[in-house]
N, C-alpha and C. Protein backbone atom coordinates (compact mmCIF):
# COMPACT_ATOMS: atom_id res chain seq x y z
N MET A 1 -46.89 -16.77 65.82
CA MET A 1 -46.03 -16.22 66.85
C MET A 1 -46.42 -14.75 67.08
N ILE A 2 -46.53 -14.38 68.33
CA ILE A 2 -46.89 -13.01 68.71
C ILE A 2 -45.61 -12.29 69.15
N THR A 3 -45.41 -11.07 68.67
CA THR A 3 -44.29 -10.25 69.11
C THR A 3 -44.81 -9.21 70.09
N TYR A 4 -44.29 -9.25 71.31
CA TYR A 4 -44.72 -8.33 72.36
C TYR A 4 -43.86 -7.07 72.40
N TYR A 5 -42.58 -7.24 72.04
CA TYR A 5 -41.66 -6.09 72.03
C TYR A 5 -40.53 -6.42 71.06
N ASP A 6 -40.05 -5.39 70.34
CA ASP A 6 -38.97 -5.61 69.40
C ASP A 6 -38.19 -4.31 69.19
N ASP A 7 -36.91 -4.33 69.50
CA ASP A 7 -36.03 -3.21 69.15
C ASP A 7 -34.69 -3.80 68.72
N ARG A 8 -33.68 -2.99 68.60
CA ARG A 8 -32.41 -3.45 68.03
C ARG A 8 -31.69 -4.49 68.88
N SER A 9 -31.95 -4.53 70.20
CA SER A 9 -31.23 -5.49 71.04
C SER A 9 -32.13 -6.42 71.83
N VAL A 10 -33.43 -6.17 71.88
CA VAL A 10 -34.35 -6.99 72.66
C VAL A 10 -35.55 -7.36 71.80
N GLN A 11 -35.89 -8.65 71.85
CA GLN A 11 -37.09 -9.12 71.17
C GLN A 11 -37.82 -10.07 72.11
N VAL A 12 -39.09 -9.78 72.36
CA VAL A 12 -39.92 -10.62 73.22
C VAL A 12 -41.06 -11.14 72.36
N THR A 13 -41.09 -12.47 72.20
CA THR A 13 -42.15 -13.10 71.40
C THR A 13 -42.90 -14.09 72.28
N SER A 14 -43.87 -14.74 71.68
CA SER A 14 -44.67 -15.72 72.42
C SER A 14 -43.90 -16.99 72.73
N SER A 15 -42.69 -17.14 72.18
CA SER A 15 -41.92 -18.36 72.45
C SER A 15 -40.56 -18.09 73.12
N THR A 16 -39.95 -16.95 72.85
CA THR A 16 -38.62 -16.68 73.40
C THR A 16 -38.44 -15.21 73.78
N VAL A 17 -37.42 -15.01 74.60
CA VAL A 17 -36.93 -13.67 74.92
C VAL A 17 -35.49 -13.62 74.42
N ARG A 18 -35.20 -12.70 73.50
CA ARG A 18 -33.84 -12.54 72.98
C ARG A 18 -33.30 -11.20 73.43
N VAL A 19 -32.13 -11.25 74.09
CA VAL A 19 -31.48 -10.04 74.57
C VAL A 19 -30.02 -10.10 74.16
N ASP A 20 -29.59 -9.14 73.35
CA ASP A 20 -28.20 -9.05 72.89
C ASP A 20 -27.68 -10.38 72.35
N GLY A 21 -28.48 -11.05 71.54
CA GLY A 21 -28.04 -12.28 70.91
C GLY A 21 -28.26 -13.54 71.74
N ARG A 22 -28.61 -13.43 72.99
CA ARG A 22 -28.89 -14.61 73.83
C ARG A 22 -30.39 -14.88 73.80
N SER A 23 -30.76 -16.14 73.72
CA SER A 23 -32.18 -16.52 73.66
C SER A 23 -32.56 -17.33 74.89
N TYR A 24 -33.75 -17.03 75.40
CA TYR A 24 -34.30 -17.75 76.55
C TYR A 24 -35.70 -18.20 76.18
N ALA A 25 -35.91 -19.51 76.17
CA ALA A 25 -37.23 -20.05 75.84
C ALA A 25 -38.19 -19.74 76.99
N LEU A 26 -39.38 -19.28 76.65
CA LEU A 26 -40.37 -18.95 77.68
C LEU A 26 -40.79 -20.17 78.47
N ALA A 27 -40.74 -21.34 77.86
CA ALA A 27 -41.10 -22.57 78.57
C ALA A 27 -40.14 -22.84 79.73
N ASP A 28 -38.91 -22.31 79.64
CA ASP A 28 -37.91 -22.52 80.69
C ASP A 28 -37.90 -21.42 81.74
N ILE A 29 -38.70 -20.36 81.55
CA ILE A 29 -38.75 -19.25 82.50
C ILE A 29 -39.92 -19.48 83.46
N THR A 30 -39.60 -19.48 84.77
CA THR A 30 -40.66 -19.74 85.75
C THR A 30 -41.02 -18.50 86.55
N MET A 31 -40.16 -17.50 86.59
CA MET A 31 -40.44 -16.31 87.40
C MET A 31 -39.71 -15.10 86.82
N ILE A 32 -40.34 -13.93 86.92
CA ILE A 32 -39.77 -12.67 86.46
C ILE A 32 -39.79 -11.68 87.62
N TRP A 33 -38.70 -10.91 87.80
CA TRP A 33 -38.69 -9.85 88.80
C TRP A 33 -37.73 -8.76 88.33
N HIS A 34 -37.75 -7.65 89.04
CA HIS A 34 -36.86 -6.55 88.67
C HIS A 34 -36.16 -6.00 89.90
N ARG A 35 -35.05 -5.31 89.66
CA ARG A 35 -34.28 -4.65 90.72
C ARG A 35 -33.96 -3.23 90.27
N ARG A 36 -33.95 -2.34 91.25
CA ARG A 36 -33.59 -0.95 90.98
C ARG A 36 -32.26 -0.65 91.65
N GLY A 37 -31.38 0.00 90.92
CA GLY A 37 -30.09 0.38 91.47
C GLY A 37 -30.18 1.71 92.19
N THR A 38 -29.03 2.23 92.61
CA THR A 38 -29.00 3.51 93.31
C THR A 38 -29.19 4.65 92.31
N ARG A 39 -29.57 5.79 92.85
CA ARG A 39 -29.78 6.97 91.99
C ARG A 39 -28.46 7.46 91.41
N SER A 40 -28.54 7.98 90.22
CA SER A 40 -27.37 8.55 89.56
C SER A 40 -27.31 10.05 89.89
N TRP A 41 -26.25 10.44 90.59
CA TRP A 41 -26.11 11.85 90.95
C TRP A 41 -25.90 12.72 89.72
N ARG A 42 -25.31 12.16 88.68
CA ARG A 42 -25.09 12.92 87.45
C ARG A 42 -26.43 13.36 86.85
N VAL A 43 -27.40 12.47 86.85
CA VAL A 43 -28.74 12.80 86.31
C VAL A 43 -29.41 13.86 87.17
N LEU A 44 -29.31 13.70 88.50
CA LEU A 44 -29.94 14.66 89.40
C LEU A 44 -29.30 16.05 89.29
N VAL A 45 -27.98 16.10 89.15
CA VAL A 45 -27.31 17.39 88.98
C VAL A 45 -27.71 18.02 87.65
N GLY A 46 -27.87 17.19 86.62
CA GLY A 46 -28.31 17.70 85.32
C GLY A 46 -29.69 18.32 85.40
N ARG A 47 -30.59 17.68 86.15
CA ARG A 47 -31.93 18.24 86.33
C ARG A 47 -31.86 19.56 87.09
N GLY A 48 -31.01 19.63 88.09
CA GLY A 48 -30.84 20.88 88.84
C GLY A 48 -30.30 21.99 87.96
N ALA A 49 -29.37 21.64 87.07
CA ALA A 49 -28.80 22.64 86.15
C ALA A 49 -29.87 23.18 85.20
N ILE A 50 -30.75 22.30 84.74
CA ILE A 50 -31.84 22.75 83.87
C ILE A 50 -32.76 23.69 84.63
N GLY A 51 -33.07 23.35 85.87
CA GLY A 51 -33.90 24.23 86.71
C GLY A 51 -33.26 25.59 86.92
N ALA A 52 -31.95 25.59 87.17
CA ALA A 52 -31.23 26.86 87.35
C ALA A 52 -31.23 27.68 86.05
N ALA A 53 -31.07 27.00 84.93
CA ALA A 53 -31.09 27.70 83.65
C ALA A 53 -32.46 28.33 83.38
N LEU A 54 -33.51 27.66 83.84
CA LEU A 54 -34.85 28.23 83.68
C LEU A 54 -35.07 29.41 84.62
N ALA A 55 -34.57 29.31 85.83
CA ALA A 55 -34.82 30.35 86.83
C ALA A 55 -33.87 31.53 86.71
N GLY A 56 -32.69 31.33 86.15
CA GLY A 56 -31.67 32.39 86.08
C GLY A 56 -32.15 33.70 85.48
N PRO A 57 -32.68 33.70 84.25
CA PRO A 57 -33.13 34.96 83.66
C PRO A 57 -34.29 35.60 84.43
N LEU A 58 -35.16 34.80 85.00
CA LEU A 58 -36.27 35.36 85.78
C LEU A 58 -35.77 36.04 87.05
N VAL A 59 -34.81 35.41 87.71
CA VAL A 59 -34.22 36.02 88.92
C VAL A 59 -33.50 37.31 88.53
N ALA A 60 -32.77 37.29 87.41
CA ALA A 60 -32.07 38.50 86.96
C ALA A 60 -33.06 39.62 86.67
N ALA A 61 -34.19 39.30 86.08
CA ALA A 61 -35.21 40.32 85.77
C ALA A 61 -35.77 40.91 87.06
N VAL A 62 -36.09 40.07 88.02
CA VAL A 62 -36.63 40.57 89.29
C VAL A 62 -35.60 41.43 90.02
N LEU A 63 -34.34 40.99 90.02
CA LEU A 63 -33.29 41.79 90.66
C LEU A 63 -33.11 43.13 89.95
N GLY A 64 -33.20 43.13 88.62
CA GLY A 64 -33.07 44.37 87.85
C GLY A 64 -34.18 45.35 88.20
N ILE A 65 -35.40 44.86 88.33
CA ILE A 65 -36.52 45.73 88.70
C ILE A 65 -36.31 46.27 90.11
N GLY A 66 -35.84 45.40 91.01
CA GLY A 66 -35.56 45.84 92.39
C GLY A 66 -34.47 46.91 92.43
N VAL A 67 -33.43 46.73 91.65
CA VAL A 67 -32.34 47.73 91.60
C VAL A 67 -32.86 49.04 91.02
N ALA A 68 -33.69 48.97 89.99
CA ALA A 68 -34.23 50.19 89.37
C ALA A 68 -35.05 50.99 90.39
N VAL A 69 -35.85 50.31 91.18
CA VAL A 69 -36.66 51.01 92.18
C VAL A 69 -35.78 51.53 93.31
N TRP A 70 -34.78 50.75 93.72
CA TRP A 70 -33.90 51.12 94.84
C TRP A 70 -33.01 52.32 94.51
N LEU A 71 -32.61 52.50 93.24
CA LEU A 71 -31.72 53.59 92.86
C LEU A 71 -32.38 54.96 92.91
N HIS A 72 -33.67 55.03 92.82
CA HIS A 72 -34.41 56.30 92.84
C HIS A 72 -33.87 57.28 91.80
N ARG A 73 -33.68 56.82 90.59
CA ARG A 73 -33.20 57.67 89.49
C ARG A 73 -34.39 58.32 88.81
N SER A 74 -34.12 59.01 87.77
CA SER A 74 -35.18 59.67 87.01
C SER A 74 -36.11 58.60 86.41
N PRO A 75 -37.34 59.01 86.11
CA PRO A 75 -38.28 58.04 85.52
C PRO A 75 -37.76 57.39 84.25
N THR A 76 -37.01 58.14 83.44
CA THR A 76 -36.49 57.59 82.20
C THR A 76 -35.50 56.46 82.47
N VAL A 77 -34.58 56.67 83.41
CA VAL A 77 -33.58 55.65 83.76
C VAL A 77 -34.27 54.43 84.39
N THR A 78 -35.23 54.70 85.27
CA THR A 78 -35.96 53.60 85.94
C THR A 78 -36.71 52.76 84.91
N ILE A 79 -37.39 53.43 83.97
CA ILE A 79 -38.13 52.71 82.93
C ILE A 79 -37.17 51.92 82.04
N ALA A 80 -35.99 52.50 81.74
CA ALA A 80 -35.00 51.79 80.91
C ALA A 80 -34.49 50.53 81.62
N ILE A 81 -34.20 50.64 82.92
CA ILE A 81 -33.71 49.48 83.69
C ILE A 81 -34.81 48.42 83.80
N VAL A 82 -36.04 48.87 84.10
CA VAL A 82 -37.16 47.92 84.21
C VAL A 82 -37.40 47.25 82.85
N GLY A 83 -37.35 48.03 81.77
CA GLY A 83 -37.55 47.47 80.43
C GLY A 83 -36.49 46.43 80.08
N ALA A 84 -35.22 46.75 80.39
CA ALA A 84 -34.14 45.79 80.12
C ALA A 84 -34.33 44.53 80.96
N SER A 85 -34.76 44.71 82.21
CA SER A 85 -34.99 43.55 83.09
C SER A 85 -36.12 42.68 82.57
N VAL A 86 -37.17 43.29 82.10
CA VAL A 86 -38.30 42.53 81.55
C VAL A 86 -37.85 41.78 80.29
N LEU A 87 -37.03 42.41 79.45
CA LEU A 87 -36.52 41.72 78.25
C LEU A 87 -35.66 40.51 78.62
N VAL A 88 -34.85 40.67 79.69
CA VAL A 88 -34.05 39.53 80.17
C VAL A 88 -34.98 38.42 80.64
N GLY A 89 -36.03 38.79 81.37
CA GLY A 89 -36.99 37.80 81.84
C GLY A 89 -37.72 37.10 80.70
N LEU A 90 -38.03 37.85 79.66
CA LEU A 90 -38.71 37.27 78.50
C LEU A 90 -37.80 36.37 77.68
N ALA A 91 -36.49 36.54 77.85
CA ALA A 91 -35.54 35.72 77.10
C ALA A 91 -35.66 34.25 77.47
N VAL A 92 -36.18 33.96 78.65
CA VAL A 92 -36.33 32.57 79.07
C VAL A 92 -37.43 31.87 78.28
N GLY A 93 -38.37 32.60 77.71
CA GLY A 93 -39.50 31.99 76.99
C GLY A 93 -39.09 31.05 75.88
N PRO A 94 -38.33 31.51 74.88
CA PRO A 94 -37.96 30.60 73.78
C PRO A 94 -37.08 29.45 74.24
N VAL A 95 -36.27 29.68 75.25
CA VAL A 95 -35.35 28.66 75.75
C VAL A 95 -36.10 27.66 76.64
N ALA A 96 -37.19 28.11 77.28
CA ALA A 96 -37.91 27.28 78.24
C ALA A 96 -38.46 26.01 77.59
N ASP A 97 -38.99 26.11 76.40
CA ASP A 97 -39.54 24.94 75.73
C ASP A 97 -38.45 23.89 75.52
N PHE A 98 -37.31 24.33 75.06
CA PHE A 98 -36.17 23.44 74.85
C PHE A 98 -35.73 22.79 76.16
N LEU A 99 -35.63 23.60 77.23
CA LEU A 99 -35.19 23.08 78.52
C LEU A 99 -36.22 22.14 79.14
N PHE A 100 -37.51 22.48 79.03
CA PHE A 100 -38.56 21.60 79.56
C PHE A 100 -38.57 20.26 78.83
N GLU A 101 -38.29 20.28 77.53
CA GLU A 101 -38.23 19.03 76.77
C GLU A 101 -37.11 18.14 77.30
N HIS A 102 -35.94 18.74 77.57
CA HIS A 102 -34.83 17.97 78.12
C HIS A 102 -35.14 17.46 79.53
N LEU A 103 -35.81 18.28 80.31
CA LEU A 103 -36.19 17.87 81.66
C LEU A 103 -37.18 16.71 81.61
N ASP A 104 -38.16 16.80 80.72
CA ASP A 104 -39.14 15.73 80.56
C ASP A 104 -38.47 14.44 80.11
N ARG A 105 -37.56 14.55 79.16
CA ARG A 105 -36.83 13.37 78.67
C ARG A 105 -35.98 12.76 79.78
N SER A 106 -35.44 13.60 80.65
CA SER A 106 -34.65 13.12 81.78
C SER A 106 -35.49 12.26 82.71
N TYR A 107 -36.73 12.68 82.97
CA TYR A 107 -37.61 11.88 83.83
C TYR A 107 -38.06 10.60 83.14
N ALA A 108 -38.26 10.64 81.82
CA ALA A 108 -38.65 9.44 81.09
C ALA A 108 -37.53 8.40 81.12
N ARG A 109 -36.29 8.86 81.05
CA ARG A 109 -35.15 7.93 81.10
C ARG A 109 -34.93 7.41 82.50
N GLY A 110 -35.22 8.22 83.50
CA GLY A 110 -35.03 7.78 84.88
C GLY A 110 -33.65 8.14 85.41
N SER A 111 -33.47 7.92 86.70
CA SER A 111 -32.20 8.26 87.33
C SER A 111 -31.54 7.05 87.99
N ARG A 112 -32.01 5.86 87.65
CA ARG A 112 -31.47 4.62 88.23
C ARG A 112 -31.18 3.60 87.14
N GLN A 113 -30.29 2.68 87.45
CA GLN A 113 -30.11 1.51 86.60
C GLN A 113 -31.20 0.51 86.98
N LEU A 114 -31.87 -0.05 86.02
CA LEU A 114 -32.96 -0.99 86.26
C LEU A 114 -32.59 -2.33 85.62
N GLU A 115 -32.90 -3.40 86.32
CA GLU A 115 -32.56 -4.74 85.83
C GLU A 115 -33.80 -5.63 85.79
N ILE A 116 -33.87 -6.47 84.76
CA ILE A 116 -34.92 -7.49 84.67
C ILE A 116 -34.23 -8.84 84.88
N TRP A 117 -34.75 -9.59 85.84
CA TRP A 117 -34.22 -10.91 86.17
C TRP A 117 -35.28 -11.96 85.90
N ALA A 118 -34.83 -13.18 85.63
CA ALA A 118 -35.74 -14.30 85.42
C ALA A 118 -35.12 -15.56 86.04
N ARG A 119 -36.00 -16.45 86.48
CA ARG A 119 -35.55 -17.78 86.88
C ARG A 119 -35.68 -18.63 85.63
N TRP A 120 -34.51 -18.96 85.04
CA TRP A 120 -34.45 -19.68 83.77
C TRP A 120 -33.76 -21.01 84.02
N ARG A 121 -34.46 -22.08 83.79
CA ARG A 121 -33.95 -23.43 84.04
C ARG A 121 -33.45 -23.58 85.48
N GLY A 122 -34.18 -22.93 86.40
CA GLY A 122 -33.87 -23.05 87.82
C GLY A 122 -32.79 -22.10 88.33
N GLN A 123 -32.19 -21.32 87.45
CA GLN A 123 -31.11 -20.41 87.83
C GLN A 123 -31.53 -18.96 87.60
N PRO A 124 -31.15 -18.05 88.52
CA PRO A 124 -31.45 -16.64 88.27
C PRO A 124 -30.53 -16.09 87.16
N VAL A 125 -31.15 -15.40 86.23
CA VAL A 125 -30.42 -14.84 85.08
C VAL A 125 -30.85 -13.39 84.91
N ARG A 126 -29.87 -12.49 84.79
CA ARG A 126 -30.20 -11.10 84.49
C ARG A 126 -30.42 -10.98 82.98
N LEU A 127 -31.64 -10.66 82.61
CA LEU A 127 -31.98 -10.54 81.19
C LEU A 127 -31.53 -9.20 80.63
N LEU A 128 -31.71 -8.13 81.40
CA LEU A 128 -31.47 -6.79 80.88
C LEU A 128 -31.06 -5.85 81.99
N ARG A 129 -30.18 -4.91 81.67
CA ARG A 129 -29.82 -3.82 82.57
C ARG A 129 -29.83 -2.54 81.72
N THR A 130 -30.61 -1.55 82.17
CA THR A 130 -30.72 -0.31 81.41
C THR A 130 -30.99 0.86 82.35
N GLY A 131 -30.64 2.03 81.91
CA GLY A 131 -30.95 3.25 82.66
C GLY A 131 -32.16 3.97 82.10
N ASP A 132 -32.72 3.46 81.02
CA ASP A 132 -33.86 4.07 80.36
C ASP A 132 -35.15 3.51 80.97
N ALA A 133 -35.78 4.28 81.85
CA ALA A 133 -36.95 3.80 82.58
C ALA A 133 -38.13 3.51 81.66
N LEU A 134 -38.33 4.30 80.64
CA LEU A 134 -39.44 4.08 79.71
C LEU A 134 -39.27 2.75 78.97
N ARG A 135 -38.09 2.55 78.43
CA ARG A 135 -37.79 1.30 77.71
C ARG A 135 -37.88 0.10 78.66
N PHE A 136 -37.35 0.25 79.86
CA PHE A 136 -37.41 -0.81 80.86
C PHE A 136 -38.86 -1.23 81.11
N GLY A 137 -39.74 -0.26 81.32
CA GLY A 137 -41.14 -0.56 81.59
C GLY A 137 -41.80 -1.30 80.44
N GLN A 138 -41.49 -0.89 79.23
CA GLN A 138 -42.08 -1.54 78.06
C GLN A 138 -41.61 -3.00 77.94
N ILE A 139 -40.31 -3.21 78.15
CA ILE A 139 -39.76 -4.56 78.04
C ILE A 139 -40.26 -5.44 79.18
N TYR A 140 -40.26 -4.90 80.39
CA TYR A 140 -40.69 -5.69 81.55
C TYR A 140 -42.13 -6.15 81.39
N ARG A 141 -42.99 -5.25 80.96
CA ARG A 141 -44.39 -5.61 80.77
C ARG A 141 -44.54 -6.61 79.63
N ALA A 142 -43.76 -6.47 78.57
CA ALA A 142 -43.82 -7.41 77.46
C ALA A 142 -43.40 -8.81 77.91
N VAL A 143 -42.34 -8.91 78.72
CA VAL A 143 -41.90 -10.21 79.22
C VAL A 143 -42.97 -10.80 80.13
N GLN A 144 -43.55 -9.98 80.99
CA GLN A 144 -44.61 -10.48 81.87
C GLN A 144 -45.78 -11.04 81.06
N ARG A 145 -46.22 -10.30 80.07
CA ARG A 145 -47.35 -10.75 79.25
C ARG A 145 -47.01 -12.04 78.50
N ALA A 146 -45.79 -12.10 77.96
CA ALA A 146 -45.38 -13.29 77.22
C ALA A 146 -45.34 -14.51 78.13
N VAL A 147 -44.80 -14.35 79.34
CA VAL A 147 -44.74 -15.47 80.28
C VAL A 147 -46.14 -15.89 80.71
N GLU A 148 -47.01 -14.92 81.00
CA GLU A 148 -48.38 -15.23 81.40
C GLU A 148 -49.12 -16.00 80.31
N HIS A 149 -48.93 -15.59 79.07
CA HIS A 149 -49.65 -16.23 77.97
C HIS A 149 -49.03 -17.56 77.57
N SER A 150 -47.77 -17.81 77.95
CA SER A 150 -47.12 -19.08 77.58
C SER A 150 -47.43 -20.18 78.57
N GLN A 151 -47.83 -19.83 79.79
CA GLN A 151 -48.14 -20.84 80.80
C GLN A 151 -49.50 -21.44 80.52
N PRO A 152 -49.61 -22.77 80.69
CA PRO A 152 -50.91 -23.39 80.44
C PRO A 152 -51.95 -22.92 81.44
N ALA A 153 -53.18 -22.84 80.99
CA ALA A 153 -54.28 -22.40 81.87
C ALA A 153 -54.50 -23.43 82.96
N ARG A 154 -54.71 -22.95 84.17
CA ARG A 154 -54.97 -23.84 85.30
C ARG A 154 -56.45 -24.22 85.29
N PRO A 155 -56.75 -25.48 85.56
CA PRO A 155 -58.15 -25.87 85.58
C PRO A 155 -58.87 -25.22 86.76
N VAL A 156 -60.10 -24.86 86.51
CA VAL A 156 -60.91 -24.22 87.55
C VAL A 156 -61.55 -25.32 88.39
N THR A 157 -61.36 -25.24 89.68
CA THR A 157 -61.98 -26.23 90.56
C THR A 157 -63.19 -25.60 91.21
N ARG A 158 -64.27 -26.33 91.23
CA ARG A 158 -65.50 -25.82 91.83
C ARG A 158 -65.78 -26.59 93.10
N ARG A 159 -66.31 -25.90 94.06
CA ARG A 159 -66.62 -26.54 95.34
C ARG A 159 -68.05 -26.91 95.42
């Protein structure tokens, strides 16, 4: 028996697909397809908030430098304001790695609900529904490979 995918709730083998305790024999599956749901505004707003958090200190630094030049104060005051602004801008550096990691993870998870459907014993059955795009892709490809390998080879006809 070949295992194509295995996690805590989904197992795809060369003979069956098991999802949340339900088993579907590959011999009874004739077709696989997927559906994408609507975008999640919560995920999109979260990505925008991460972008704003990245840009905020940089914008504050640029505004601080602009204010320092606009005030026409003594060189000491101007240098102090520009220095403080640059430090604010540099503050984004250590935080940026953390924020970029969350942003990257957000794209890996996706912003839609994704479903895997199969025609099982002649009836359409939803095998899986998830918002995790990476996991969805892995499971979908595993089911496709398992179904392809479980079907008997078609004889080649020559003309």
